[in-house]
Amino acid sequence: MPDDNNDQREANEDRPKAADSGQSDKNGEPEPSAAPGPELEALIGENAELRDRLLRTMADMENLRRRTEREKTDTARYAISNFARDVLTIGDNLKRAVDHVPAEAAAQDPALKSFLDGVELTERELLNMLERHGVTRLDPIGERFDPNCHQAMYEVQNPDVPEGMVVDVMQAGYTIGDRCLRPALVAISKGGAKPGAQPAGKDRGQEQRKPANDDFPDGEVLGD
């Protein structure tokens, strides 16, 4: 009798194991996990928002760094603009002093010539000092009028010079870096051929065509 009870108890213990094994084989895979709850979804959204804020902050900091470096460079380059503009007045007065002395008088008076030589040397040293600090003198005679660095004072009628060319300079201009420190006071030509004007054809009303470079590499134009 004791042996029968033991066998029956062992058989009962093996049944759940067999049932569990059968259920596992029947499904073939573990049960899927439950869907994320509201708290997890809120954390995911908050994480995405924080990441977007971080990227925007990093972009703003990079733009600020570049802007600060550019402002620092501009400050170092153009910090003396006001001072240099005032110093240019001294150079103008030195130039006027030299120009107002007749050459004949300087040739006849050694003391006056020595004085003028000293004034010219001072003017050259002043210009060299300004150039070492990035201030450059403009010499626009013969160049086309540029409103960015030239200021027209009057016009000169001259049919032999193309219209809009600088023919005289009353006051020199200066640049600092790539900026105009002081525009040059100039006179411009008027009455000549306009820049870019094409000559008229042989017959009235006939327009001369300018060939393209790829059509006529040697610059030749077909005759009539």
C-alpha atoms as a PDB file:
ATOM      1  CA  MET A   1       0.000   0.000   0.000  1.00  0.00           C
ATOM      2  CA  PRO A   2       2.690   2.601   0.763  1.00  0.00           C
ATOM      3  CA  ASP A   3       4.239   1.947  -2.620  1.00  0.00           C
ATOM      4  CA  ASP A   4       0.975   2.594  -4.390  1.00  0.00           C
ATOM      5  CA  ASN A   5       0.493   5.917  -2.604  1.00  0.00           C
ATOM      6  CA  ASN A   6       3.993   7.042  -3.507  1.00  0.00           C
ATOM      7  CA  ASP A   7       3.476   6.151  -7.187  1.00  0.00           C
ATOM      8  CA  GLN A   8       0.171   8.040  -7.279  1.00  0.00           C
ATOM      9  CA  ARG A   9       1.742  11.129  -5.681  1.00  0.00           C
ATOM     10  CA  GLU A  10       4.625  11.115  -8.148  1.00  0.00           C
ATOM     11  CA  ALA A  11       2.181  10.851 -11.048  1.00  0.00           C
ATOM     12  CA  ASN A  12       0.194  13.823  -9.780  1.00  0.00           C
ATOM     13  CA  GLU A  13       3.390  15.908  -9.486  1.00  0.00           C
ATOM     14  CA  ASP A  14       4.332  15.132 -13.089  1.00  0.00           C
ATOM     15  CA  ARG A  15       0.993  16.279 -14.561  1.00  0.00           C
ATOM     16  CA  PRO A  16       1.461  20.061 -14.154  1.00  0.00           C
ATOM     17  CA  LYS A  17       4.913  19.816 -15.669  1.00  0.00           C
ATOM     18  CA  ALA A  18       3.519  18.006 -18.674  1.00  0.00           C
ATOM     19  CA  ALA A  19       0.707  20.536 -18.973  1.00  0.00           C
ATOM     20  CA  ASP A  20       3.166  23.420 -18.809  1.00  0.00           C
ATOM     21  CA  SER A  21       5.365  21.736 -21.393  1.00  0.00           C
ATOM     22  CA  GLY A  22       2.397  21.209 -23.662  1.00  0.00           C
ATOM     23  CA  GLN A  23       1.315  24.850 -23.374  1.00  0.00           C
ATOM     24  CA  SER A  24       4.814  26.054 -24.197  1.00  0.00           C
ATOM     25  CA  ASP A  25       4.987  23.809 -27.228  1.00  0.00           C
ATOM     26  CA  LYS A  26       1.549  24.901 -28.321  1.00  0.00           C
ATOM     27  CA  ASN A  27       2.401  28.605 -28.281  1.00  0.00           C
ATOM     28  CA  GLY A  28       5.893  28.201 -29.681  1.00  0.00           C
ATOM     29  CA  GLU A  29       7.001  31.684 -28.505  1.00  0.00           C
ATOM     30  CA  PRO A  30       6.787  33.812 -25.346  1.00  0.00           C
ATOM     31  CA  GLU A  31       3.791  35.998 -24.814  1.00  0.00           C
ATOM     32  CA  PRO A  32       4.168  39.517 -26.198  1.00  0.00           C
ATOM     33  CA  SER A  33       4.925  42.290 -23.717  1.00  0.00           C
ATOM     34  CA  ALA A  34       2.199  44.639 -22.743  1.00  0.00           C
ATOM     35  CA  ALA A  35       1.785  47.992 -24.625  1.00  0.00           C
ATOM     36  CA  PRO A  36       3.630  51.008 -23.117  1.00  0.00           C
ATOM     37  CA  GLY A  37       1.607  52.859 -20.601  1.00  0.00           C
ATOM     38  CA  PRO A  38       0.868  56.586 -20.447  1.00  0.00           C
ATOM     39  CA  GLU A  39       3.843  57.242 -18.171  1.00  0.00           C
ATOM     40  CA  LEU A  40       6.290  55.676 -20.637  1.00  0.00           C
ATOM     41  CA  GLU A  41       4.829  57.619 -23.528  1.00  0.00           C
ATOM     42  CA  ALA A  42       5.161  60.833 -21.535  1.00  0.00           C
ATOM     43  CA  LEU A  43       8.828  60.071 -20.813  1.00  0.00           C
ATOM     44  CA  ILE A  44       9.498  59.359 -24.502  1.00  0.00           C
ATOM     45  CA  GLY A  45       7.909  62.661 -25.522  1.00  0.00           C
ATOM     46  CA  GLU A  46       9.826  64.556 -22.863  1.00  0.00           C
ATOM     47  CA  ASN A  47      13.074  62.952 -24.031  1.00  0.00           C
ATOM     48  CA  ALA A  48      12.430  64.004 -27.638  1.00  0.00           C
ATOM     49  CA  GLU A  49      11.636  67.553 -26.538  1.00  0.00           C
ATOM     50  CA  LEU A  50      14.798  67.798 -24.444  1.00  0.00           C
ATOM     51  CA  ARG A  51      16.870  66.478 -27.329  1.00  0.00           C
ATOM     52  CA  ASP A  52      15.393  69.090 -29.677  1.00  0.00           C
ATOM     53  CA  ARG A  53      16.137  71.829 -27.150  1.00  0.00           C
ATOM     54  CA  LEU A  54      19.710  70.608 -26.798  1.00  0.00           C
ATOM     55  CA  LEU A  55      20.306  70.649 -30.552  1.00  0.00           C
ATOM     56  CA  ARG A  56      18.837  74.134 -30.857  1.00  0.00           C
ATOM     57  CA  THR A  57      20.966  75.396 -27.982  1.00  0.00           C
ATOM     58  CA  MET A  58      24.111  73.935 -29.528  1.00  0.00           C
ATOM     59  CA  ALA A  59      23.291  75.598 -32.868  1.00  0.00           C
ATOM     60  CA  ASP A  60      22.686  78.942 -31.155  1.00  0.00           C
ATOM     61  CA  MET A  61      25.977  78.679 -29.284  1.00  0.00           C
ATOM     62  CA  GLU A  62      27.861  77.929 -32.502  1.00  0.00           C
ATOM     63  CA  ASN A  63      26.284  80.943 -34.229  1.00  0.00           C
ATOM     64  CA  LEU A  64      27.131  83.095 -31.221  1.00  0.00           C
ATOM     65  CA  ARG A  65      30.747  81.905 -31.300  1.00  0.00           C
ATOM     66  CA  ARG A  66      31.105  82.723 -34.991  1.00  0.00           C
ATOM     67  CA  ARG A  67      29.464  86.130 -34.575  1.00  0.00           C
ATOM     68  CA  THR A  68      31.724  86.931 -31.629  1.00  0.00           C
ATOM     69  CA  GLU A  69      34.846  85.988 -33.576  1.00  0.00           C
ATOM     70  CA  ARG A  70      33.726  88.118 -36.530  1.00  0.00           C
ATOM     71  CA  GLU A  71      33.006  91.098 -34.281  1.00  0.00           C
ATOM     72  CA  LYS A  72      36.364  90.636 -32.575  1.00  0.00           C
ATOM     73  CA  THR A  73      38.155  90.644 -35.928  1.00  0.00           C
ATOM     74  CA  ASP A  74      36.249  93.697 -37.144  1.00  0.00           C
ATOM     75  CA  THR A  75      36.956  95.536 -33.904  1.00  0.00           C
ATOM     76  CA  ALA A  76      40.679  94.863 -34.180  1.00  0.00           C
ATOM     77  CA  ARG A  77      40.734  95.917 -37.839  1.00  0.00           C
ATOM     78  CA  TYR A  78      38.489  98.997 -37.743  1.00  0.00           C
ATOM     79  CA  ALA A  79      39.003 100.240 -34.185  1.00  0.00           C
ATOM     80  CA  ILE A  80      41.210 103.117 -35.364  1.00  0.00           C
ATOM     81  CA  SER A  81      38.759 104.333 -38.020  1.00  0.00           C
ATOM     82  CA  ASN A  82      37.776 107.528 -36.201  1.00  0.00           C
ATOM     83  CA  PHE A  83      41.355 108.277 -35.187  1.00  0.00           C
ATOM     84  CA  ALA A  84      42.680 107.627 -38.695  1.00  0.00           C
ATOM     85  CA  ARG A  85      39.985 109.834 -40.227  1.00  0.00           C
ATOM     86  CA  ASP A  86      41.097 112.712 -37.986  1.00  0.00           C
ATOM     87  CA  VAL A  87      44.759 112.135 -38.787  1.00  0.00           C
ATOM     88  CA  LEU A  88      44.009 112.356 -42.508  1.00  0.00           C
ATOM     89  CA  THR A  89      43.211 116.045 -42.030  1.00  0.00           C
ATOM     90  CA  ILE A  90      46.808 116.613 -40.918  1.00  0.00           C
ATOM     91  CA  GLY A  91      48.063 114.882 -44.032  1.00  0.00           C
ATOM     92  CA  ASP A  92      45.805 117.053 -46.202  1.00  0.00           C
ATOM     93  CA  ASN A  93      47.214 120.228 -44.626  1.00  0.00           C
ATOM     94  CA  LEU A  94      50.779 119.054 -45.210  1.00  0.00           C
ATOM     95  CA  LYS A  95      49.957 118.364 -48.842  1.00  0.00           C
ATOM     96  CA  ARG A  96      48.365 121.794 -49.287  1.00  0.00           C
ATOM     97  CA  ALA A  97      51.421 123.473 -47.743  1.00  0.00           C
ATOM     98  CA  VAL A  98      53.702 121.832 -50.285  1.00  0.00           C
ATOM     99  CA  ASP A  99      51.422 122.506 -53.258  1.00  0.00           C
ATOM    100  CA  HIS A 100      50.985 126.206 -52.467  1.00  0.00           C
ATOM    101  CA  VAL A 101      54.698 126.983 -52.620  1.00  0.00           C
ATOM    102  CA  PRO A 102      55.828 127.809 -56.177  1.00  0.00           C
ATOM    103  CA  ALA A 103      58.598 125.608 -57.496  1.00  0.00           C
ATOM    104  CA  GLU A 104      60.567 128.660 -58.689  1.00  0.00           C
ATOM    105  CA  ALA A 105      60.600 130.141 -55.198  1.00  0.00           C
ATOM    106  CA  ALA A 106      61.850 126.907 -53.668  1.00  0.00           C
ATOM    107  CA  ALA A 107      64.588 126.660 -56.294  1.00  0.00           C
ATOM    108  CA  GLN A 108      65.814 130.204 -55.559  1.00  0.00           C
ATOM    109  CA  ASP A 109      65.694 129.915 -51.763  1.00  0.00           C
ATOM    110  CA  PRO A 110      67.701 126.985 -50.294  1.00  0.00           C
ATOM    111  CA  ALA A 111      66.132 127.454 -46.882  1.00  0.00           C
ATOM    112  CA  LEU A 112      62.621 127.268 -48.319  1.00  0.00           C
ATOM    113  CA  LYS A 113      63.526 124.178 -50.350  1.00  0.00           C
ATOM    114  CA  SER A 114      64.924 122.498 -47.230  1.00  0.00           C
ATOM    115  CA  PHE A 115      61.723 123.359 -45.385  1.00  0.00           C
ATOM    116  CA  LEU A 116      59.558 121.863 -48.148  1.00  0.00           C
ATOM    117  CA  ASP A 117      61.691 118.724 -48.183  1.00  0.00           C
ATOM    118  CA  GLY A 118      61.066 118.325 -44.463  1.00  0.00           C
ATOM    119  CA  VAL A 119      57.314 118.775 -44.909  1.00  0.00           C
ATOM    120  CA  GLU A 120      57.241 116.203 -47.737  1.00  0.00           C
ATOM    121  CA  LEU A 121      59.214 113.754 -45.600  1.00  0.00           C
ATOM    122  CA  THR A 122      56.739 114.230 -42.747  1.00  0.00           C
ATOM    123  CA  GLU A 123      53.826 113.607 -45.096  1.00  0.00           C
ATOM    124  CA  ARG A 124      55.416 110.383 -46.416  1.00  0.00           C
ATOM    125  CA  GLU A 125      56.083 109.137 -42.906  1.00  0.00           C
ATOM    126  CA  LEU A 126      52.471 109.858 -41.967  1.00  0.00           C
ATOM    127  CA  LEU A 127      51.174 107.906 -44.969  1.00  0.00           C
ATOM    128  CA  ASN A 128      53.543 105.008 -44.228  1.00  0.00           C
ATOM    129  CA  MET A 129      52.339 104.909 -40.626  1.00  0.00           C
ATOM    130  CA  LEU A 130      48.713 104.793 -41.757  1.00  0.00           C
ATOM    131  CA  GLU A 131      49.476 102.075 -44.298  1.00  0.00           C
ATOM    132  CA  ARG A 132      51.076  99.915 -41.612  1.00  0.00           C
ATOM    133  CA  HIS A 133      47.732 100.046 -39.799  1.00  0.00           C
ATOM    134  CA  GLY A 134      45.706  99.070 -42.861  1.00  0.00           C
ATOM    135  CA  VAL A 135      44.880 102.555 -44.202  1.00  0.00           C
ATOM    136  CA  THR A 136      45.537 102.836 -47.945  1.00  0.00           C
ATOM    137  CA  ARG A 137      45.420 105.923 -50.149  1.00  0.00           C
ATOM    138  CA  LEU A 138      43.259 105.899 -53.269  1.00  0.00           C
ATOM    139  CA  ASP A 139      44.575 107.149 -56.607  1.00  0.00           C
ATOM    140  CA  PRO A 140      41.494 106.999 -58.846  1.00  0.00           C
ATOM    141  CA  ILE A 141      42.636 109.152 -61.784  1.00  0.00           C
ATOM    142  CA  GLY A 142      41.842 107.307 -64.999  1.00  0.00           C
ATOM    143  CA  GLU A 143      39.526 104.860 -63.249  1.00  0.00           C
ATOM    144  CA  ARG A 144      35.791 104.538 -63.681  1.00  0.00           C
ATOM    145  CA  PHE A 145      33.691 106.453 -61.157  1.00  0.00           C
ATOM    146  CA  ASP A 146      32.746 104.282 -58.193  1.00  0.00           C
ATOM    147  CA  PRO A 147      30.083 105.759 -55.890  1.00  0.00           C
ATOM    148  CA  ASN A 148      31.234 103.471 -53.082  1.00  0.00           C
ATOM    149  CA  CYS A 149      34.585 105.227 -52.692  1.00  0.00           C
ATOM    150  CA  HIS A 150      34.336 108.344 -54.896  1.00  0.00           C
ATOM    151  CA  GLN A 151      32.347 111.542 -54.471  1.00  0.00           C
ATOM    152  CA  ALA A 152      31.729 113.518 -57.660  1.00  0.00           C
ATOM    153  CA  MET A 153      32.193 117.275 -57.253  1.00  0.00           C
ATOM    154  CA  TYR A 154      31.740 118.435 -60.842  1.00  0.00           C
ATOM    155  CA  GLU A 155      31.807 117.212 -64.445  1.00  0.00           C
ATOM    156  CA  VAL A 156      34.300 117.997 -67.177  1.00  0.00           C
ATOM    157  CA  GLN A 157      33.240 118.132 -70.828  1.00  0.00           C
ATOM    158  CA  ASN A 158      35.739 116.057 -72.789  1.00  0.00           C
ATOM    159  CA  PRO A 159      34.633 114.070 -75.862  1.00  0.00           C
ATOM    160  CA  ASP A 160      38.002 112.323 -76.019  1.00  0.00           C
ATOM    161  CA  VAL A 161      37.499 110.573 -72.651  1.00  0.00           C
ATOM    162  CA  PRO A 162      34.770 107.958 -72.067  1.00  0.00           C
ATOM    163  CA  GLU A 163      31.942 109.264 -69.964  1.00  0.00           C
ATOM    164  CA  GLY A 164      32.070 108.535 -66.243  1.00  0.00           C
ATOM    165  CA  MET A 165      35.869 108.437 -65.873  1.00  0.00           C
ATOM    166  CA  VAL A 166      37.769 110.210 -63.074  1.00  0.00           C
ATOM    167  CA  VAL A 167      39.808 113.035 -64.616  1.00  0.00           C
ATOM    168  CA  ASP A 168      40.821 115.022 -61.527  1.00  0.00           C
ATOM    169  CA  VAL A 169      41.117 114.522 -57.757  1.00  0.00           C
ATOM    170  CA  MET A 170      40.556 117.436 -55.396  1.00  0.00           C
ATOM    171  CA  GLN A 171      41.021 115.428 -52.206  1.00  0.00           C
ATOM    172  CA  ALA A 172      42.489 111.971 -51.888  1.00  0.00           C
ATOM    173  CA  GLY A 173      40.390 109.110 -50.581  1.00  0.00           C
ATOM    174  CA  TYR A 174      41.391 106.341 -48.199  1.00  0.00           C
ATOM    175  CA  THR A 175      40.294 102.826 -47.386  1.00  0.00           C
ATOM    176  CA  ILE A 176      40.787 100.791 -44.226  1.00  0.00           C
ATOM    177  CA  GLY A 177      40.700  97.064 -44.785  1.00  0.00           C
ATOM    178  CA  ASP A 178      37.912  96.478 -47.290  1.00  0.00           C
ATOM    179  CA  ARG A 179      35.899  99.537 -46.211  1.00  0.00           C
ATOM    180  CA  CYS A 180      35.938 103.103 -47.445  1.00  0.00           C
ATOM    181  CA  LEU A 181      37.381 105.332 -44.739  1.00  0.00           C
ATOM    182  CA  ARG A 182      36.938 108.571 -46.681  1.00  0.00           C
ATOM    183  CA  PRO A 183      35.690 108.962 -50.267  1.00  0.00           C
ATOM    184  CA  ALA A 184      37.865 110.762 -52.783  1.00  0.00           C
ATOM    185  CA  LEU A 185      36.556 114.097 -54.079  1.00  0.00           C
ATOM    186  CA  VAL A 186      36.810 113.764 -57.846  1.00  0.00           C
ATOM    187  CA  ALA A 187      35.771 115.304 -61.148  1.00  0.00           C
ATOM    188  CA  ILE A 188      34.301 112.994 -63.777  1.00  0.00           C
ATOM    189  CA  SER A 189      34.247 113.238 -67.546  1.00  0.00           C
ATOM    190  CA  LYS A 190      31.142 113.957 -69.577  1.00  0.00           C
ATOM    191  CA  GLY A 191      30.399 114.058 -73.279  1.00  0.00           C
ATOM    192  CA  GLY A 192      32.539 111.148 -74.424  1.00  0.00           C
ATOM    193  CA  ALA A 193      31.398 107.732 -75.577  1.00  0.00           C
ATOM    194  CA  LYS A 194      29.340 105.905 -73.029  1.00  0.00           C
ATOM    195  CA  PRO A 195      30.966 102.805 -71.534  1.00  0.00           C
ATOM    196  CA  GLY A 196      29.994  99.667 -73.403  1.00  0.00           C
ATOM    197  CA  ALA A 197      28.529 101.509 -76.433  1.00  0.00           C
ATOM    198  CA  GLN A 198      28.868  99.647 -79.711  1.00  0.00           C
ATOM    199  CA  PRO A 199      29.957 101.475 -82.876  1.00  0.00           C
ATOM    200  CA  ALA A 200      27.278 102.031 -85.495  1.00  0.00           C
ATOM    201  CA  GLY A 201      27.095  99.887 -88.655  1.00  0.00           C
ATOM    202  CA  LYS A 202      28.051 101.006 -92.117  1.00  0.00           C
ATOM    203  CA  ASP A 203      24.467 101.759 -93.145  1.00  0.00           C
ATOM    204  CA  ARG A 204      21.962 103.756 -91.140  1.00  0.00           C
ATOM    205  CA  GLY A 205      19.769 101.498 -89.063  1.00  0.00           C
ATOM    206  CA  GLN A 206      22.165  98.592 -89.509  1.00  0.00           C
ATOM    207  CA  GLU A 207      23.271  97.208 -86.155  1.00  0.00           C
ATOM    208  CA  GLN A 208      26.651  95.574 -85.899  1.00  0.00           C
ATOM    209  CA  ARG A 209      26.423  92.259 -84.079  1.00  0.00           C
ATOM    210  CA  LYS A 210      29.141  91.307 -81.669  1.00  0.00           C
ATOM    211  CA  PRO A 211      29.986  87.653 -82.216  1.00  0.00           C
ATOM    212  CA  ALA A 212      30.312  85.190 -79.404  1.00  0.00           C
ATOM    213  CA  ASN A 213      33.789  83.956 -78.545  1.00  0.00           C
ATOM    214  CA  ASP A 214      32.935  80.382 -79.360  1.00  0.00           C
ATOM    215  CA  ASP A 215      31.623  81.392 -82.820  1.00  0.00           C
ATOM    216  CA  PHE A 216      34.721  83.364 -83.810  1.00  0.00           C
ATOM    217  CA  PRO A 217      37.688  82.435 -81.600  1.00  0.00           C
ATOM    218  CA  ASP A 218      39.992  84.899 -83.384  1.00  0.00           C
ATOM    219  CA  GLY A 219      37.589  87.793 -82.903  1.00  0.00           C
ATOM    220  CA  GLU A 220      36.846  88.064 -86.637  1.00  0.00           C
ATOM    221  CA  VAL A 221      33.487  89.284 -87.844  1.00  0.00           C
ATOM    222  CA  LEU A 222      31.930  88.093 -91.082  1.00  0.00           C
ATOM    223  CA  GLY A 223      31.729  90.751 -93.760  1.00  0.00           C
ATOM    224  CA  ASP A 224      28.579  91.960 -95.454  1.00  0.00           C
END
